[in-house]
């Protein structure tokens, strides 16, 4: 799953540390999300979207597996 987290965060002038503190996760978690190494739980995805006042679909891009 791709996401626009880094783009959105930078547009709003928020550091990884500030976002991590607001979401009660580590800065490393934010970095891993931005680099695509980690997909968030549905709860964390909702928290991120709500933090930015967006829908989940505006932050996270779901791509169906082409093999399906």
PDB file of N, CA and C in Angstrom:
ATOM      1  N   UNK A   1       0.847  -1.172   0.000  1.00  0.00           N
ATOM      2  CA  UNK A   1       0.000   0.000   0.000  1.00  0.00           C
ATOM      3  C   UNK A   1       0.895   1.238   0.000  1.00  0.00           C
ATOM      4  N   UNK A   2       0.619   2.134  -0.918  1.00  0.00           N
ATOM      5  CA  UNK A   2       1.375   3.380  -0.987  1.00  0.00           C
ATOM      6  C   UNK A   2       0.685   4.428  -0.115  1.00  0.00           C
ATOM      7  N   UNK A   3       1.435   5.491   0.201  1.00  0.00           N
ATOM      8  CA  UNK A   3       0.823   6.564   0.967  1.00  0.00           C
ATOM      9  C   UNK A   3       1.458   7.899   0.631  1.00  0.00           C
ATOM     10  N   UNK A   4       0.766   8.958   0.985  1.00  0.00           N
ATOM     11  CA  UNK A   4       1.223  10.332   0.756  1.00  0.00           C
ATOM     12  C   UNK A   4       1.621  10.993   2.064  1.00  0.00           C
ATOM     13  N   UNK A   5       1.925  10.198   3.076  1.00  0.00           N
ATOM     14  CA  UNK A   5       2.161  10.725   4.413  1.00  0.00           C
ATOM     15  C   UNK A   5       3.281  11.763   4.436  1.00  0.00           C
ATOM     16  N   UNK A   6       4.430  11.441   3.859  1.00  0.00           N
ATOM     17  CA  UNK A   6       5.557  12.374   3.893  1.00  0.00           C
ATOM     18  C   UNK A   6       5.200  13.677   3.180  1.00  0.00           C
ATOM     19  N   UNK A   7       4.576  13.573   2.025  1.00  0.00           N
ATOM     20  CA  UNK A   7       4.171  14.757   1.257  1.00  0.00           C
ATOM     21  C   UNK A   7       3.221  15.646   2.073  1.00  0.00           C
ATOM     22  N   UNK A   8       2.215  15.045   2.658  1.00  0.00           N
ATOM     23  CA  UNK A   8       1.221  15.792   3.437  1.00  0.00           C
ATOM     24  C   UNK A   8       1.861  16.407   4.671  1.00  0.00           C
ATOM     25  N   UNK A   9       2.683  15.623   5.363  1.00  0.00           N
ATOM     26  CA  UNK A   9       3.346  16.105   6.580  1.00  0.00           C
ATOM     27  C   UNK A   9       4.224  17.323   6.264  1.00  0.00           C
ATOM     28  N   UNK A  10       5.007  17.233   5.193  1.00  0.00           N
ATOM     29  CA  UNK A  10       5.909  18.338   4.830  1.00  0.00           C
ATOM     30  C   UNK A  10       5.135  19.570   4.382  1.00  0.00           C
ATOM     31  N   UNK A  11       4.031  19.372   3.653  1.00  0.00           N
ATOM     32  CA  UNK A  11       3.198  20.495   3.222  1.00  0.00           C
ATOM     33  C   UNK A  11       2.685  21.286   4.419  1.00  0.00           C
ATOM     34  N   UNK A  12       2.432  20.601   5.517  1.00  0.00           N
ATOM     35  CA  UNK A  12       1.880  21.245   6.706  1.00  0.00           C
ATOM     36  C   UNK A  12       2.968  21.664   7.691  1.00  0.00           C
ATOM     37  N   UNK A  13       4.232  21.452   7.319  1.00  0.00           N
ATOM     38  CA  UNK A  13       5.338  21.902   8.145  1.00  0.00           C
ATOM     39  C   UNK A  13       5.480  21.175   9.472  1.00  0.00           C
ATOM     40  N   UNK A  14       5.165  19.892   9.465  1.00  0.00           N
ATOM     41  CA  UNK A  14       5.204  19.087  10.690  1.00  0.00           C
ATOM     42  C   UNK A  14       6.383  18.122  10.602  1.00  0.00           C
ATOM     43  N   UNK A  15       7.169  18.021  11.655  1.00  0.00           N
ATOM     44  CA  UNK A  15       8.295  17.086  11.666  1.00  0.00           C
ATOM     45  C   UNK A  15       7.799  15.674  11.964  1.00  0.00           C
ATOM     46  N   UNK A  16       8.648  14.689  11.654  1.00  0.00           N
ATOM     47  CA  UNK A  16       8.307  13.312  11.995  1.00  0.00           C
ATOM     48  C   UNK A  16       8.094  13.176  13.499  1.00  0.00           C
ATOM     49  N   UNK A  17       8.934  13.824  14.272  1.00  0.00           N
ATOM     50  CA  UNK A  17       8.819  13.751  15.729  1.00  0.00           C
ATOM     51  C   UNK A  17       7.522  14.338  16.247  1.00  0.00           C
ATOM     52  N   UNK A  18       7.113  15.472  15.682  1.00  0.00           N
ATOM     53  CA  UNK A  18       5.853  16.102  16.105  1.00  0.00           C
ATOM     54  C   UNK A  18       4.664  15.210  15.777  1.00  0.00           C
ATOM     55  N   UNK A  19       4.678  14.636  14.580  1.00  0.00           N
ATOM     56  CA  UNK A  19       3.584  13.756  14.182  1.00  0.00           C
ATOM     57  C   UNK A  19       3.558  12.506  15.055  1.00  0.00           C
ATOM     58  N   UNK A  20       4.734  11.952  15.305  1.00  0.00           N
ATOM     59  CA  UNK A  20       4.822  10.761  16.148  1.00  0.00           C
ATOM     60  C   UNK A  20       4.259  11.031  17.544  1.00  0.00           C
ATOM     61  N   UNK A  21       4.619  12.174  18.117  1.00  0.00           N
ATOM     62  CA  UNK A  21       4.124  12.513  19.455  1.00  0.00           C
ATOM     63  C   UNK A  21       2.604  12.661  19.454  1.00  0.00           C
ATOM     64  N   UNK A  22       2.071  13.306  18.429  1.00  0.00           N
ATOM     65  CA  UNK A  22       0.622  13.511  18.350  1.00  0.00           C
ATOM     66  C   UNK A  22      -0.127  12.193  18.204  1.00  0.00           C
ATOM     67  N   UNK A  23       0.497  11.234  17.528  1.00  0.00           N
ATOM     68  CA  UNK A  23      -0.158   9.942  17.277  1.00  0.00           C
ATOM     69  C   UNK A  23       0.207   8.889  18.307  1.00  0.00           C
ATOM     70  N   UNK A  24       1.108   9.251  19.227  1.00  0.00           N
ATOM     71  CA  UNK A  24       1.572   8.343  20.275  1.00  0.00           C
ATOM     72  C   UNK A  24       2.249   7.099  19.698  1.00  0.00           C
ATOM     73  N   UNK A  25       3.122   7.334  18.694  1.00  0.00           N
ATOM     74  CA  UNK A  25       3.959   6.277  18.133  1.00  0.00           C
ATOM     75  C   UNK A  25       5.389   6.811  18.098  1.00  0.00           C
ATOM     76  N   UNK A  26       6.330   5.966  17.738  1.00  0.00           N
ATOM     77  CA  UNK A  26       7.728   6.415  17.662  1.00  0.00           C
ATOM     78  C   UNK A  26       7.990   7.141  16.343  1.00  0.00           C
ATOM     79  N   UNK A  27       9.043   7.961  16.340  1.00  0.00           N
ATOM     80  CA  UNK A  27       9.452   8.645  15.112  1.00  0.00           C
ATOM     81  C   UNK A  27       9.847   7.600  14.064  1.00  0.00           C
ATOM     82  N   UNK A  28      10.426   6.489  14.525  1.00  0.00           N
ATOM     83  CA  UNK A  28      10.820   5.422  13.611  1.00  0.00           C
ATOM     84  C   UNK A  28       9.607   4.820  12.899  1.00  0.00           C
ATOM     85  N   UNK A  29       8.482   4.741  13.604  1.00  0.00           N
ATOM     86  CA  UNK A  29       7.251   4.237  12.982  1.00  0.00           C
ATOM     87  C   UNK A  29       6.834   5.153  11.843  1.00  0.00           C
ATOM     88  N   UNK A  30       6.886   6.458  12.070  1.00  0.00           N
ATOM     89  CA  UNK A  30       6.521   7.426  11.023  1.00  0.00           C
ATOM     90  C   UNK A  30       7.464   7.270   9.832  1.00  0.00           C
ATOM     91  N   UNK A  31       8.762   7.156  10.099  1.00  0.00           N
ATOM     92  CA  UNK A  31       9.726   6.965   9.023  1.00  0.00           C
ATOM     93  C   UNK A  31       9.471   5.695   8.235  1.00  0.00           C
ATOM     94  N   UNK A  32       9.148   4.619   8.932  1.00  0.00           N
ATOM     95  CA  UNK A  32       8.857   3.348   8.265  1.00  0.00           C
ATOM     96  C   UNK A  32       7.592   3.432   7.424  1.00  0.00           C
ATOM     97  N   UNK A  33       6.588   4.137   7.914  1.00  0.00           N
ATOM     98  CA  UNK A  33       5.365   4.335   7.132  1.00  0.00           C
ATOM     99  C   UNK A  33       5.670   5.123   5.867  1.00  0.00           C
ATOM    100  N   UNK A  34       6.423   6.204   6.006  1.00  0.00           N
ATOM    101  CA  UNK A  34       6.727   7.061   4.866  1.00  0.00           C
ATOM    102  C   UNK A  34       7.558   6.331   3.811  1.00  0.00           C
ATOM    103  N   UNK A  35       8.420   5.428   4.240  1.00  0.00           N
ATOM    104  CA  UNK A  35       9.277   4.695   3.314  1.00  0.00           C
ATOM    105  C   UNK A  35       8.634   3.415   2.783  1.00  0.00           C
ATOM    106  N   UNK A  36       7.408   3.140   3.204  1.00  0.00           N
ATOM    107  CA  UNK A  36       6.696   1.973   2.715  1.00  0.00           C
ATOM    108  C   UNK A  36       7.166   0.657   3.301  1.00  0.00           C
ATOM    109  N   UNK A  37       7.924   0.703   4.393  1.00  0.00           N
ATOM    110  CA  UNK A  37       8.397  -0.530   5.029  1.00  0.00           C
ATOM    111  C   UNK A  37       7.359  -1.113   5.978  1.00  0.00           C
ATOM    112  N   UNK A  38       6.329  -0.322   6.259  1.00  0.00           N
ATOM    113  CA  UNK A  38       5.342  -0.715   7.272  1.00  0.00           C
ATOM    114  C   UNK A  38       3.980  -0.190   6.858  1.00  0.00           C
ATOM    115  N   UNK A  39       2.969  -1.040   6.921  1.00  0.00           N
ATOM    116  CA  UNK A  39       1.592  -0.608   6.699  1.00  0.00           C
ATOM    117  C   UNK A  39       0.935  -0.422   8.057  1.00  0.00           C
ATOM    118  N   UNK A  40       0.201   0.662   8.231  1.00  0.00           N
ATOM    119  CA  UNK A  40      -0.401   0.930   9.539  1.00  0.00           C
ATOM    120  C   UNK A  40      -1.583   0.022   9.834  1.00  0.00           C
ATOM    121  N   UNK A  41      -1.852  -0.132  11.111  1.00  0.00           N
ATOM    122  CA  UNK A  41      -3.092  -0.795  11.501  1.00  0.00           C
ATOM    123  C   UNK A  41      -4.234   0.114  11.067  1.00  0.00           C
ATOM    124  N   UNK A  42      -5.423  -0.416  11.003  1.00  0.00           N
ATOM    125  CA  UNK A  42      -6.572   0.416  10.612  1.00  0.00           C
ATOM    126  C   UNK A  42      -6.771   1.543  11.615  1.00  0.00           C
ATOM    127  N   UNK A  43      -6.529   1.280  12.890  1.00  0.00           N
ATOM    128  CA  UNK A  43      -6.661   2.313  13.912  1.00  0.00           C
ATOM    129  C   UNK A  43      -5.663   3.446  13.678  1.00  0.00           C
ATOM    130  N   UNK A  44      -4.410   3.093  13.395  1.00  0.00           N
ATOM    131  CA  UNK A  44      -3.400   4.120  13.153  1.00  0.00           C
ATOM    132  C   UNK A  44      -3.702   4.885  11.869  1.00  0.00           C
ATOM    133  N   UNK A  45      -4.172   4.197  10.851  1.00  0.00           N
ATOM    134  CA  UNK A  45      -4.538   4.868   9.596  1.00  0.00           C
ATOM    135  C   UNK A  45      -5.636   5.901   9.847  1.00  0.00           C
ATOM    136  N   UNK A  46      -6.643   5.548  10.647  1.00  0.00           N
ATOM    137  CA  UNK A  46      -7.698   6.498  10.998  1.00  0.00           C
ATOM    138  C   UNK A  46      -7.135   7.677  11.776  1.00  0.00           C
ATOM    139  N   UNK A  47      -6.242   7.410  12.735  1.00  0.00           N
ATOM    140  CA  UNK A  47      -5.661   8.488  13.542  1.00  0.00           C
ATOM    141  C   UNK A  47      -4.866   9.460  12.676  1.00  0.00           C
ATOM    142  N   UNK A  48      -4.117   8.922  11.726  1.00  0.00           N
ATOM    143  CA  UNK A  48      -3.328   9.774  10.831  1.00  0.00           C
ATOM    144  C   UNK A  48      -4.252  10.631   9.970  1.00  0.00           C
ATOM    145  N   UNK A  49      -5.248  10.011   9.370  1.00  0.00           N
ATOM    146  CA  UNK A  49      -6.185  10.751   8.521  1.00  0.00           C
ATOM    147  C   UNK A  49      -6.908  11.832   9.308  1.00  0.00           C
ATOM    148  N   UNK A  50      -7.377  11.497  10.494  1.00  0.00           N
ATOM    149  CA  UNK A  50      -8.079  12.486  11.323  1.00  0.00           C
ATOM    150  C   UNK A  50      -7.164  13.628  11.742  1.00  0.00           C
ATOM    151  N   UNK A  51      -5.907  13.305  12.050  1.00  0.00           N
ATOM    152  CA  UNK A  51      -4.939  14.332  12.448  1.00  0.00           C
ATOM    153  C   UNK A  51      -4.825  15.402  11.358  1.00  0.00           C
ATOM    154  N   UNK A  52      -4.815  14.958  10.094  1.00  0.00           N
ATOM    155  CA  UNK A  52      -4.677  15.890   8.976  1.00  0.00           C
ATOM    156  C   UNK A  52      -6.026  16.383   8.448  1.00  0.00           C
ATOM    157  N   UNK A  53      -7.131  15.933   9.046  1.00  0.00           N
ATOM    158  CA  UNK A  53      -8.455  16.358   8.597  1.00  0.00           C
ATOM    159  C   UNK A  53      -8.796  15.826   7.217  1.00  0.00           C
ATOM    160  N   UNK A  54      -8.350  14.608   6.943  1.00  0.00           N
ATOM    161  CA  UNK A  54      -8.551  13.997   5.633  1.00  0.00           C
ATOM    162  C   UNK A  54      -9.237  12.646   5.775  1.00  0.00           C
ATOM    163  N   UNK A  55      -9.633  12.087   4.634  1.00  0.00           N
ATOM    164  CA  UNK A  55     -10.125  10.719   4.593  1.00  0.00           C
ATOM    165  C   UNK A  55      -8.932   9.785   4.463  1.00  0.00           C
ATOM    166  N   UNK A  56      -9.088   8.557   4.922  1.00  0.00           N
ATOM    167  CA  UNK A  56      -8.007   7.577   4.804  1.00  0.00           C
ATOM    168  C   UNK A  56      -7.545   7.457   3.353  1.00  0.00           C
ATOM    169  N   UNK A  57      -8.493   7.465   2.421  1.00  0.00           N
ATOM    170  CA  UNK A  57      -8.161   7.295   1.003  1.00  0.00           C
ATOM    171  C   UNK A  57      -7.329   8.443   0.450  1.00  0.00           C
ATOM    172  N   UNK A  58      -7.356   9.594   1.101  1.00  0.00           N
ATOM    173  CA  UNK A  58      -6.545  10.726   0.663  1.00  0.00           C
ATOM    174  C   UNK A  58      -5.092  10.574   1.094  1.00  0.00           C
ATOM    175  N   UNK A  59      -4.844   9.776   2.123  1.00  0.00           N
ATOM    176  CA  UNK A  59      -3.491   9.573   2.646  1.00  0.00           C
ATOM    177  C   UNK A  59      -2.913   8.256   2.156  1.00  0.00           C
ATOM    178  N   UNK A  60      -3.715   7.203   2.193  1.00  0.00           N
ATOM    179  CA  UNK A  60      -3.254   5.864   1.843  1.00  0.00           C
ATOM    180  C   UNK A  60      -3.892   5.407   0.541  1.00  0.00           C
ATOM    181  N   UNK A  61      -3.058   4.909  -0.365  1.00  0.00           N
ATOM    182  CA  UNK A  61      -3.525   4.483  -1.682  1.00  0.00           C
ATOM    183  C   UNK A  61      -3.473   2.967  -1.738  1.00  0.00           C
ATOM    184  N   UNK A  62      -4.649   2.368  -1.787  1.00  0.00           N
ATOM    185  CA  UNK A  62      -4.744   0.905  -1.870  1.00  0.00           C
ATOM    186  C   UNK A  62      -4.639   0.478  -3.315  1.00  0.00           C
ATOM    187  N   UNK A  63      -3.738  -0.460  -3.582  1.00  0.00           N
ATOM    188  CA  UNK A  63      -3.589  -0.994  -4.931  1.00  0.00           C
ATOM    189  C   UNK A  63      -3.857  -2.483  -4.884  1.00  0.00           C
ATOM    190  N   UNK A  64      -4.829  -2.916  -5.679  1.00  0.00           N
ATOM    191  CA  UNK A  64      -5.147  -4.344  -5.697  1.00  0.00           C
ATOM    192  C   UNK A  64      -4.010  -5.113  -6.328  1.00  0.00           C
ATOM    193  N   UNK A  65      -3.791  -6.315  -5.837  1.00  0.00           N
ATOM    194  CA  UNK A  65      -2.771  -7.185  -6.398  1.00  0.00           C
ATOM    195  C   UNK A  65      -3.193  -7.580  -7.801  1.00  0.00           C
ATOM    196  N   UNK A  66      -2.296  -7.376  -8.766  1.00  0.00           N
ATOM    197  CA  UNK A  66      -2.634  -7.688 -10.164  1.00  0.00           C
ATOM    198  C   UNK A  66      -2.869  -9.166 -10.396  1.00  0.00           C
ATOM    199  N   UNK A  67      -2.344 -10.025  -9.520  1.00  0.00           N
ATOM    200  CA  UNK A  67      -2.515 -11.471  -9.679  1.00  0.00           C
ATOM    201  C   UNK A  67      -3.907 -11.928  -9.271  1.00  0.00           C
ATOM    202  N   UNK A  68      -4.622 -11.116  -8.512  1.00  0.00           N
ATOM    203  CA  UNK A  68      -5.933 -11.515  -7.996  1.00  0.00           C
ATOM    204  C   UNK A  68      -6.978 -11.567  -9.090  1.00  0.00           C
TER     205      UNK A  68
END
